[in-house]
Amino acid sequence: MPEMPEVEIIRRYLDKQLTGQRIMGVDLLLPRQIKWPEPEGYRAMAIGRTIAGMNRRGKYLLMALDNGSELVFHLRMTGRLVYEPDGVNHDSHARLLFQLDGGGLLVYGDTRTLGTLYALSPGERWRIHGLAEMGPEPLTGDFTPAYIQQTAKGRRTAVKSFLLNQKYIGGIGNIYADEALFLAGIHPLRPVGSLSAAECQRLHQSVNTAIAAGIRDGGTTFRDYKNGEGKQGSHQEQLYVYNRQGQPCRRCGTEIEKMTVGGRGTHLCPQCQRP
């Protein structure tokens, strides 16, 4: 699933390409992925509107329109949003097409069709529970060591599960949670409420470092993720633990292990991240 770095990479590219362009037509090739409003209402809210910019909140892409409305894209497992300046669709799994007045085409493709799409009037973000209830994001002023410590206080949940809970921190998924915990030297099963102030400080720094590295490298691609140009990221070549089970730790040489935490596959170095 694209996480915060991948969605941010898509946002940055599309913001440059789409801002100021007018939506001339919308082809709904799989209407059931439109979750609000009904498909024809979605088309009516989009057609004729000018794109004011591309925003992001956590893993959600938000296309701002000139009347204050937003088209929201939650890519989930295999969704992708690609701009085709030649106006030709090259995606065999395209589910939604936007014809633009500049002659280009914005293609929403989704192999497994798990993504969700919304058109929201101003002030309607409450319609999407995960968006409305999302906690502060890494690399922002609201995400601080003090916030982590205060939010974690008294909680017995595993620190890995805490990082994945979008209500607490927005945008972190499985890849960057594993990477951040490795950088912080914290075992994924550690009860988050047991972290000291110094450990919260270290975790805060490690989360920001992992997210920033993912953005720097253009995102992580194992199979499905592509940026707004349809290209893959390269961060998978720099990962410390994620998807590296059986390989030596880049720091100490110990074999990377894989376990399950909260139902999610979790990677760690048993030497660098002792219980």
C-alpha atoms as a PDB file:
ATOM      1  CA  MET A   1       0.000   0.000   0.000  1.00  0.00           C
ATOM      2  CA  PRO A   2       1.340   3.476  -0.802  1.00  0.00           C
ATOM      3  CA  GLU A   3       2.226   5.193   2.462  1.00  0.00           C
ATOM      4  CA  MET A   4       2.836   8.846   3.245  1.00  0.00           C
ATOM      5  CA  PRO A   5       6.117   9.181   1.246  1.00  0.00           C
ATOM      6  CA  GLU A   6       4.657   7.546  -1.860  1.00  0.00           C
ATOM      7  CA  VAL A   7       1.472   9.609  -1.773  1.00  0.00           C
ATOM      8  CA  GLU A   8       3.514  12.769  -1.210  1.00  0.00           C
ATOM      9  CA  ILE A   9       5.657  12.007  -4.279  1.00  0.00           C
ATOM     10  CA  ILE A  10       2.489  11.570  -6.357  1.00  0.00           C
ATOM     11  CA  ARG A  11       1.046  14.793  -4.937  1.00  0.00           C
ATOM     12  CA  ARG A  12       4.114  16.879  -5.754  1.00  0.00           C
ATOM     13  CA  TYR A  13       4.245  15.770  -9.374  1.00  0.00           C
ATOM     14  CA  LEU A  14       0.524  16.064 -10.031  1.00  0.00           C
ATOM     15  CA  ASP A  15       0.344  19.459  -8.347  1.00  0.00           C
ATOM     16  CA  LYS A  16       2.824  20.822 -10.900  1.00  0.00           C
ATOM     17  CA  GLN A  17       1.092  19.196 -13.852  1.00  0.00           C
ATOM     18  CA  LEU A  18      -2.586  19.651 -13.028  1.00  0.00           C
ATOM     19  CA  THR A  19      -2.958  22.973 -11.240  1.00  0.00           C
ATOM     20  CA  GLY A  20      -4.915  25.385 -13.418  1.00  0.00           C
ATOM     21  CA  GLN A  21      -6.278  22.721 -15.762  1.00  0.00           C
ATOM     22  CA  ARG A  22     -10.007  22.315 -16.228  1.00  0.00           C
ATOM     23  CA  ILE A  23     -11.795  18.961 -16.051  1.00  0.00           C
ATOM     24  CA  MET A  24     -13.718  18.592 -19.300  1.00  0.00           C
ATOM     25  CA  GLY A  25     -14.993  15.032 -18.913  1.00  0.00           C
ATOM     26  CA  VAL A  26     -15.066  12.103 -16.491  1.00  0.00           C
ATOM     27  CA  ASP A  27     -15.320   8.457 -17.590  1.00  0.00           C
ATOM     28  CA  LEU A  28     -16.386   6.148 -14.755  1.00  0.00           C
ATOM     29  CA  LEU A  29     -15.132   2.736 -15.854  1.00  0.00           C
ATOM     30  CA  LEU A  30     -15.886   1.110 -12.494  1.00  0.00           C
ATOM     31  CA  PRO A  31     -18.562   3.215 -10.755  1.00  0.00           C
ATOM     32  CA  ARG A  32     -18.648   1.076  -7.579  1.00  0.00           C
ATOM     33  CA  GLN A  33     -15.363   2.596  -6.446  1.00  0.00           C
ATOM     34  CA  ILE A  34     -17.138   5.941  -6.025  1.00  0.00           C
ATOM     35  CA  LYS A  35     -18.206   5.967  -2.381  1.00  0.00           C
ATOM     36  CA  TRP A  36     -19.705   9.480  -2.250  1.00  0.00           C
ATOM     37  CA  PRO A  37     -21.887  10.814  -3.765  1.00  0.00           C
ATOM     38  CA  GLU A  38     -23.566   8.540  -6.335  1.00  0.00           C
ATOM     39  CA  PRO A  39     -21.533   8.189  -9.571  1.00  0.00           C
ATOM     40  CA  GLU A  40     -23.481  10.764 -11.575  1.00  0.00           C
ATOM     41  CA  GLY A  41     -23.262  13.206  -8.685  1.00  0.00           C
ATOM     42  CA  TYR A  42     -19.494  12.665  -8.651  1.00  0.00           C
ATOM     43  CA  ARG A  43     -19.273  13.474 -12.360  1.00  0.00           C
ATOM     44  CA  ALA A  44     -21.405  16.577 -11.922  1.00  0.00           C
ATOM     45  CA  MET A  45     -19.177  17.880  -9.113  1.00  0.00           C
ATOM     46  CA  ALA A  46     -16.010  17.378 -11.185  1.00  0.00           C
ATOM     47  CA  ILE A  47     -16.887  18.346 -14.774  1.00  0.00           C
ATOM     48  CA  GLY A  48     -16.271  21.993 -15.595  1.00  0.00           C
ATOM     49  CA  ARG A  49     -14.234  22.658 -12.463  1.00  0.00           C
ATOM     50  CA  THR A  50     -10.670  23.953 -12.510  1.00  0.00           C
ATOM     51  CA  ILE A  51      -8.043  22.136 -10.446  1.00  0.00           C
ATOM     52  CA  ALA A  52      -6.746  24.528  -7.779  1.00  0.00           C
ATOM     53  CA  GLY A  53      -4.016  22.178  -6.554  1.00  0.00           C
ATOM     54  CA  MET A  54      -3.185  18.750  -5.167  1.00  0.00           C
ATOM     55  CA  ASN A  55      -3.066  18.313  -1.403  1.00  0.00           C
ATOM     56  CA  ARG A  56      -2.484  15.336   0.888  1.00  0.00           C
ATOM     57  CA  ARG A  57      -3.569  14.196   4.330  1.00  0.00           C
ATOM     58  CA  GLY A  58      -1.912  11.011   5.547  1.00  0.00           C
ATOM     59  CA  LYS A  59      -2.366   8.474   2.740  1.00  0.00           C
ATOM     60  CA  TYR A  60      -5.240  10.403   1.114  1.00  0.00           C
ATOM     61  CA  LEU A  61      -4.741  12.471  -2.047  1.00  0.00           C
ATOM     62  CA  LEU A  62      -6.960  15.552  -2.157  1.00  0.00           C
ATOM     63  CA  MET A  63      -7.630  17.345  -5.437  1.00  0.00           C
ATOM     64  CA  ALA A  64      -8.761  20.871  -4.591  1.00  0.00           C
ATOM     65  CA  LEU A  65     -11.253  22.399  -7.021  1.00  0.00           C
ATOM     66  CA  ASP A  66     -11.851  26.081  -7.699  1.00  0.00           C
ATOM     67  CA  ASN A  67     -15.165  26.143  -5.800  1.00  0.00           C
ATOM     68  CA  GLY A  68     -13.693  24.735  -2.583  1.00  0.00           C
ATOM     69  CA  SER A  69     -14.814  21.158  -3.213  1.00  0.00           C
ATOM     70  CA  GLU A  70     -12.362  18.239  -3.147  1.00  0.00           C
ATOM     71  CA  LEU A  71     -11.943  14.989  -5.066  1.00  0.00           C
ATOM     72  CA  VAL A  72     -10.471  12.486  -2.615  1.00  0.00           C
ATOM     73  CA  PHE A  73      -8.456   9.417  -3.630  1.00  0.00           C
ATOM     74  CA  HIS A  74      -7.556   6.653  -1.177  1.00  0.00           C
ATOM     75  CA  LEU A  75      -5.239   4.389  -3.171  1.00  0.00           C
ATOM     76  CA  ARG A  76      -5.151   1.499  -0.690  1.00  0.00           C
ATOM     77  CA  MET A  77      -3.302  -1.609  -1.953  1.00  0.00           C
ATOM     78  CA  THR A  78      -2.919  -1.158  -5.710  1.00  0.00           C
ATOM     79  CA  GLY A  79      -4.352   2.236  -6.647  1.00  0.00           C
ATOM     80  CA  ARG A  80      -2.357   4.684  -8.757  1.00  0.00           C
ATOM     81  CA  LEU A  81      -2.981   8.120 -10.207  1.00  0.00           C
ATOM     82  CA  VAL A  82      -0.999   8.886 -13.366  1.00  0.00           C
ATOM     83  CA  TYR A  83      -0.998  11.934 -15.622  1.00  0.00           C
ATOM     84  CA  GLU A  84      -0.739  11.185 -19.347  1.00  0.00           C
ATOM     85  CA  PRO A  85       0.093  14.453 -21.150  1.00  0.00           C
ATOM     86  CA  ASP A  86      -0.499  12.839 -24.560  1.00  0.00           C
ATOM     87  CA  GLY A  87      -4.105  12.098 -23.615  1.00  0.00           C
ATOM     88  CA  VAL A  88      -3.686   8.339 -24.127  1.00  0.00           C
ATOM     89  CA  ASN A  89      -4.587   5.787 -21.454  1.00  0.00           C
ATOM     90  CA  HIS A  90      -1.809   3.205 -21.057  1.00  0.00           C
ATOM     91  CA  ASP A  91      -3.272   1.430 -18.008  1.00  0.00           C
ATOM     92  CA  SER A  92      -5.123  -1.824 -18.667  1.00  0.00           C
ATOM     93  CA  HIS A  93      -6.634  -1.563 -15.179  1.00  0.00           C
ATOM     94  CA  ALA A  94      -7.896   2.014 -15.542  1.00  0.00           C
ATOM     95  CA  ARG A  95     -11.039   2.646 -13.473  1.00  0.00           C
ATOM     96  CA  LEU A  96     -11.541   6.404 -13.842  1.00  0.00           C
ATOM     97  CA  LEU A  97     -10.449   8.868 -16.534  1.00  0.00           C
ATOM     98  CA  PHE A  98     -10.375  12.669 -16.333  1.00  0.00           C
ATOM     99  CA  GLN A  99     -10.165  14.536 -19.645  1.00  0.00           C
ATOM    100  CA  LEU A 100      -8.385  17.855 -19.162  1.00  0.00           C
ATOM    101  CA  ASP A 101      -8.587  21.011 -21.227  1.00  0.00           C
ATOM    102  CA  GLY A 102      -4.850  20.923 -21.887  1.00  0.00           C
ATOM    103  CA  GLY A 103      -5.321  17.734 -23.868  1.00  0.00           C
ATOM    104  CA  GLY A 104      -3.946  15.449 -21.176  1.00  0.00           C
ATOM    105  CA  LEU A 105      -5.571  12.597 -19.307  1.00  0.00           C
ATOM    106  CA  LEU A 106      -5.518  11.835 -15.584  1.00  0.00           C
ATOM    107  CA  VAL A 107      -5.883   8.080 -15.080  1.00  0.00           C
ATOM    108  CA  TYR A 108      -6.902   6.359 -11.874  1.00  0.00           C
ATOM    109  CA  GLY A 109      -5.848   2.714 -12.187  1.00  0.00           C
ATOM    110  CA  ASP A 110      -6.415  -0.006  -9.605  1.00  0.00           C
ATOM    111  CA  THR A 111      -5.572  -3.662 -10.162  1.00  0.00           C
ATOM    112  CA  ARG A 112      -7.439  -5.095  -7.164  1.00  0.00           C
ATOM    113  CA  THR A 113     -10.087  -2.331  -7.089  1.00  0.00           C
ATOM    114  CA  LEU A 114      -9.754  -1.745  -3.338  1.00  0.00           C
ATOM    115  CA  GLY A 115      -9.269   2.013  -3.609  1.00  0.00           C
ATOM    116  CA  THR A 116     -12.044   4.443  -2.729  1.00  0.00           C
ATOM    117  CA  LEU A 117     -13.023   7.733  -4.375  1.00  0.00           C
ATOM    118  CA  TYR A 118     -15.075  10.637  -3.047  1.00  0.00           C
ATOM    119  CA  ALA A 119     -16.260  14.091  -4.119  1.00  0.00           C
ATOM    120  CA  LEU A 120     -16.731  16.338  -1.097  1.00  0.00           C
ATOM    121  CA  SER A 121     -18.295  19.763  -0.787  1.00  0.00           C
ATOM    122  CA  PRO A 122     -16.516  22.262   1.497  1.00  0.00           C
ATOM    123  CA  GLY A 123     -16.603  21.087   5.106  1.00  0.00           C
ATOM    124  CA  GLU A 124     -17.553  17.497   4.250  1.00  0.00           C
ATOM    125  CA  ARG A 125     -14.376  15.666   5.256  1.00  0.00           C
ATOM    126  CA  TRP A 126     -16.377  14.225   8.149  1.00  0.00           C
ATOM    127  CA  ARG A 127     -17.917  11.821   5.640  1.00  0.00           C
ATOM    128  CA  ILE A 128     -14.619   9.891   5.542  1.00  0.00           C
ATOM    129  CA  HIS A 129     -13.988   8.592   9.055  1.00  0.00           C
ATOM    130  CA  GLY A 130     -10.308   7.804   8.531  1.00  0.00           C
ATOM    131  CA  LEU A 131      -9.655  11.269   7.131  1.00  0.00           C
ATOM    132  CA  ALA A 132     -11.621  13.238   9.714  1.00  0.00           C
ATOM    133  CA  GLU A 133     -10.163  11.389  12.727  1.00  0.00           C
ATOM    134  CA  MET A 134      -6.529  11.306  11.604  1.00  0.00           C
ATOM    135  CA  GLY A 135      -3.757  12.266  14.009  1.00  0.00           C
ATOM    136  CA  PRO A 136      -0.797  14.564  13.298  1.00  0.00           C
ATOM    137  CA  GLU A 137       1.642  13.594  10.552  1.00  0.00           C
ATOM    138  CA  PRO A 138       5.415  13.094  10.689  1.00  0.00           C
ATOM    139  CA  LEU A 139       7.480  16.086   9.576  1.00  0.00           C
ATOM    140  CA  THR A 140       4.910  18.548  10.935  1.00  0.00           C
ATOM    141  CA  GLY A 141       4.973  20.831  13.955  1.00  0.00           C
ATOM    142  CA  ASP A 142       2.128  18.956  15.671  1.00  0.00           C
ATOM    143  CA  PHE A 143       4.080  15.696  15.657  1.00  0.00           C
ATOM    144  CA  THR A 144       6.503  16.056  18.570  1.00  0.00           C
ATOM    145  CA  PRO A 145       8.235  13.814  21.129  1.00  0.00           C
ATOM    146  CA  ALA A 146       5.908  15.268  23.764  1.00  0.00           C
ATOM    147  CA  TYR A 147       2.893  14.310  21.637  1.00  0.00           C
ATOM    148  CA  ILE A 148       4.123  10.721  21.350  1.00  0.00           C
ATOM    149  CA  GLN A 149       4.764  10.478  25.073  1.00  0.00           C
ATOM    150  CA  GLN A 150       1.406  11.979  26.028  1.00  0.00           C
ATOM    151  CA  THR A 151      -0.582   9.874  23.547  1.00  0.00           C
ATOM    152  CA  ALA A 152       1.255   6.667  24.492  1.00  0.00           C
ATOM    153  CA  LYS A 153       0.890   7.181  28.227  1.00  0.00           C
ATOM    154  CA  GLY A 154      -0.818   4.252  29.935  1.00  0.00           C
ATOM    155  CA  ARG A 155      -1.300   2.261  26.720  1.00  0.00           C
ATOM    156  CA  ARG A 156      -0.280  -1.380  26.640  1.00  0.00           C
ATOM    157  CA  THR A 157      -0.581  -1.802  22.898  1.00  0.00           C
ATOM    158  CA  ALA A 158       2.564  -2.790  21.007  1.00  0.00           C
ATOM    159  CA  VAL A 159       4.523   0.179  19.716  1.00  0.00           C
ATOM    160  CA  LYS A 160       4.262  -1.204  16.145  1.00  0.00           C
ATOM    161  CA  SER A 161       0.455  -1.221  16.356  1.00  0.00           C
ATOM    162  CA  PHE A 162       0.535   2.272  17.858  1.00  0.00           C
ATOM    163  CA  LEU A 163       2.491   3.606  14.876  1.00  0.00           C
ATOM    164  CA  LEU A 164       0.055   2.032  12.421  1.00  0.00           C
ATOM    165  CA  ASN A 165      -3.032   3.513  14.082  1.00  0.00           C
ATOM    166  CA  GLN A 166      -3.944   6.499  11.903  1.00  0.00           C
ATOM    167  CA  LYS A 167      -5.913   8.013  14.787  1.00  0.00           C
ATOM    168  CA  TYR A 168      -2.628   8.551  16.608  1.00  0.00           C
ATOM    169  CA  ILE A 169      -0.231   9.306  13.731  1.00  0.00           C
ATOM    170  CA  GLY A 170      -1.293   9.912  10.138  1.00  0.00           C
ATOM    171  CA  GLY A 171       0.443   8.376   7.143  1.00  0.00           C
ATOM    172  CA  ILE A 172       2.631   5.614   8.610  1.00  0.00           C
ATOM    173  CA  GLY A 173       2.171   2.111   7.195  1.00  0.00           C
ATOM    174  CA  ASN A 174       3.911  -1.218   7.576  1.00  0.00           C
ATOM    175  CA  ILE A 175       7.107  -0.386   5.704  1.00  0.00           C
ATOM    176  CA  TYR A 176       7.993   2.839   7.497  1.00  0.00           C
ATOM    177  CA  ALA A 177       6.865   1.608  10.917  1.00  0.00           C
ATOM    178  CA  ASP A 178       9.366  -1.257  10.687  1.00  0.00           C
ATOM    179  CA  GLU A 179      12.094   1.073   9.438  1.00  0.00           C
ATOM    180  CA  ALA A 180      11.465   3.671  12.148  1.00  0.00           C
ATOM    181  CA  LEU A 181      11.516   1.088  14.941  1.00  0.00           C
ATOM    182  CA  PHE A 182      14.813  -0.285  13.654  1.00  0.00           C
ATOM    183  CA  LEU A 183      16.360   3.180  13.535  1.00  0.00           C
ATOM    184  CA  ALA A 184      15.124   3.838  17.071  1.00  0.00           C
ATOM    185  CA  GLY A 185      16.397   0.478  18.357  1.00  0.00           C
ATOM    186  CA  ILE A 186      12.957  -0.406  19.754  1.00  0.00           C
ATOM    187  CA  HIS A 187      11.419  -3.879  19.620  1.00  0.00           C
ATOM    188  CA  PRO A 188       8.044  -3.874  17.790  1.00  0.00           C
ATOM    189  CA  LEU A 189       6.283  -5.707  20.645  1.00  0.00           C
ATOM    190  CA  ARG A 190       7.366  -3.227  23.295  1.00  0.00           C
ATOM    191  CA  PRO A 191       4.298  -1.765  25.060  1.00  0.00           C
ATOM    192  CA  VAL A 192       4.171   1.816  23.835  1.00  0.00           C
ATOM    193  CA  GLY A 193       3.256   3.128  27.280  1.00  0.00           C
ATOM    194  CA  SER A 194       6.557   1.853  28.653  1.00  0.00           C
ATOM    195  CA  LEU A 195       8.674   4.146  26.478  1.00  0.00           C
ATOM    196  CA  SER A 196      10.723   6.686  28.377  1.00  0.00           C
ATOM    197  CA  ALA A 197      10.945  10.353  27.409  1.00  0.00           C
ATOM    198  CA  ALA A 198      14.331   9.679  25.793  1.00  0.00           C
ATOM    199  CA  GLU A 199      12.908   6.757  23.819  1.00  0.00           C
ATOM    200  CA  CYS A 200       9.984   8.886  22.636  1.00  0.00           C
ATOM    201  CA  GLN A 201      12.502  11.471  21.492  1.00  0.00           C
ATOM    202  CA  ARG A 202      14.423   8.783  19.613  1.00  0.00           C
ATOM    203  CA  LEU A 203      11.280   7.320  18.066  1.00  0.00           C
ATOM    204  CA  HIS A 204      10.129  10.770  16.928  1.00  0.00           C
ATOM    205  CA  GLN A 205      13.437  11.401  15.204  1.00  0.00           C
ATOM    206  CA  SER A 206      13.476   7.930  13.641  1.00  0.00           C
ATOM    207  CA  VAL A 207       9.945   8.244  12.246  1.00  0.00           C
ATOM    208  CA  ASN A 208      10.818  11.566  10.642  1.00  0.00           C
ATOM    209  CA  THR A 209      14.088  10.157   9.291  1.00  0.00           C
ATOM    210  CA  ALA A 210      12.386   7.103   7.758  1.00  0.00           C
ATOM    211  CA  ILE A 211       9.621   9.169   6.145  1.00  0.00           C
ATOM    212  CA  ALA A 212      12.043  11.783   4.784  1.00  0.00           C
ATOM    213  CA  ALA A 213      14.286   9.063   3.312  1.00  0.00           C
ATOM    214  CA  GLY A 214      11.312   7.486   1.535  1.00  0.00           C
ATOM    215  CA  ILE A 215      10.389  10.830  -0.020  1.00  0.00           C
ATOM    216  CA  ARG A 216      14.001  11.512  -0.995  1.00  0.00           C
ATOM    217  CA  ASP A 217      14.240   8.197  -2.862  1.00  0.00           C
ATOM    218  CA  GLY A 218      10.971   8.616  -4.718  1.00  0.00           C
ATOM    219  CA  GLY A 219       9.053   6.085  -2.640  1.00  0.00           C
ATOM    220  CA  THR A 220       9.252   2.310  -2.193  1.00  0.00           C
ATOM    221  CA  THR A 221       8.218  -0.034  -5.007  1.00  0.00           C
ATOM    222  CA  PHE A 222       8.005  -3.791  -4.586  1.00  0.00           C
ATOM    223  CA  ARG A 223       5.226  -4.444  -7.077  1.00  0.00           C
ATOM    224  CA  ASP A 224       2.423  -1.929  -7.575  1.00  0.00           C
ATOM    225  CA  TYR A 225       3.482   1.566  -6.515  1.00  0.00           C
ATOM    226  CA  LYS A 226       4.114   4.091  -9.285  1.00  0.00           C
ATOM    227  CA  ASN A 227       4.443   7.850  -9.028  1.00  0.00           C
ATOM    228  CA  GLY A 228       2.410  10.404 -10.949  1.00  0.00           C
ATOM    229  CA  GLU A 229       4.561   9.816 -14.046  1.00  0.00           C
ATOM    230  CA  GLY A 230       4.021   6.064 -13.905  1.00  0.00           C
ATOM    231  CA  LYS A 231       7.592   5.416 -12.682  1.00  0.00           C
ATOM    232  CA  GLN A 232       8.779   3.280  -9.761  1.00  0.00           C
ATOM    233  CA  GLY A 233      10.537   4.460  -6.614  1.00  0.00           C
ATOM    234  CA  SER A 234      13.995   3.309  -5.461  1.00  0.00           C
ATOM    235  CA  HIS A 235      13.776   3.347  -1.665  1.00  0.00           C
ATOM    236  CA  GLN A 236      13.373  -0.453  -1.559  1.00  0.00           C
ATOM    237  CA  GLU A 237      17.118  -0.618  -2.230  1.00  0.00           C
ATOM    238  CA  GLN A 238      17.873   1.323   0.971  1.00  0.00           C
ATOM    239  CA  LEU A 239      15.610  -0.419   3.499  1.00  0.00           C
ATOM    240  CA  TYR A 240      17.171  -1.693   6.726  1.00  0.00           C
ATOM    241  CA  VAL A 241      14.704  -4.411   7.717  1.00  0.00           C
ATOM    242  CA  TYR A 242      11.447  -4.404   5.761  1.00  0.00           C
ATOM    243  CA  ASN A 243      11.206  -7.389   3.381  1.00  0.00           C
ATOM    244  CA  ARG A 244      14.802  -8.360   4.261  1.00  0.00           C
ATOM    245  CA  GLN A 245      14.086 -11.425   6.421  1.00  0.00           C
ATOM    246  CA  GLY A 246      16.963 -13.924   6.259  1.00  0.00           C
ATOM    247  CA  GLN A 247      19.425 -11.243   5.139  1.00  0.00           C
ATOM    248  CA  PRO A 248      22.170  -9.759   7.346  1.00  0.00           C
ATOM    249  CA  CYS A 249      21.472  -6.575   9.271  1.00  0.00           C
ATOM    250  CA  ARG A 250      23.173  -3.630   7.587  1.00  0.00           C
ATOM    251  CA  ARG A 251      24.506  -2.510  10.978  1.00  0.00           C
ATOM    252  CA  CYS A 252      25.489  -5.631  12.938  1.00  0.00           C
ATOM    253  CA  GLY A 253      25.263  -8.541  10.498  1.00  0.00           C
ATOM    254  CA  THR A 254      22.633 -10.450  12.500  1.00  0.00           C
ATOM    255  CA  GLU A 255      19.992 -12.192  10.390  1.00  0.00           C
ATOM    256  CA  ILE A 256      16.820 -10.112   9.979  1.00  0.00           C
ATOM    257  CA  GLU A 257      13.744 -11.869  11.353  1.00  0.00           C
ATOM    258  CA  LYS A 258      10.053 -11.663  10.521  1.00  0.00           C
ATOM    259  CA  MET A 259       7.236 -11.977  13.037  1.00  0.00           C
ATOM    260  CA  THR A 260       3.581 -10.988  13.320  1.00  0.00           C
ATOM    261  CA  VAL A 261       2.446  -8.011  15.384  1.00  0.00           C
ATOM    262  CA  GLY A 262      -1.218  -7.109  15.461  1.00  0.00           C
ATOM    263  CA  GLY A 263      -1.833  -9.271  12.408  1.00  0.00           C
ATOM    264  CA  ARG A 264       0.832  -7.476  10.360  1.00  0.00           C
ATOM    265  CA  GLY A 265       4.073  -8.944   9.071  1.00  0.00           C
ATOM    266  CA  THR A 266       6.882  -7.246  10.988  1.00  0.00           C
ATOM    267  CA  HIS A 267      10.613  -7.187  10.308  1.00  0.00           C
ATOM    268  CA  LEU A 268      13.357  -6.556  12.866  1.00  0.00           C
ATOM    269  CA  CYS A 269      16.949  -7.150  13.845  1.00  0.00           C
ATOM    270  CA  PRO A 270      16.943  -9.225  17.072  1.00  0.00           C
ATOM    271  CA  GLN A 271      20.319  -7.756  18.061  1.00  0.00           C
ATOM    272  CA  CYS A 272      19.690  -4.061  17.354  1.00  0.00           C
ATOM    273  CA  GLN A 273      16.100  -4.230  18.665  1.00  0.00           C
ATOM    274  CA  ARG A 274      16.264  -6.322  21.784  1.00  0.00           C
ATOM    275  CA  PRO A 275      13.034  -6.872  23.770  1.00  0.00           C
END
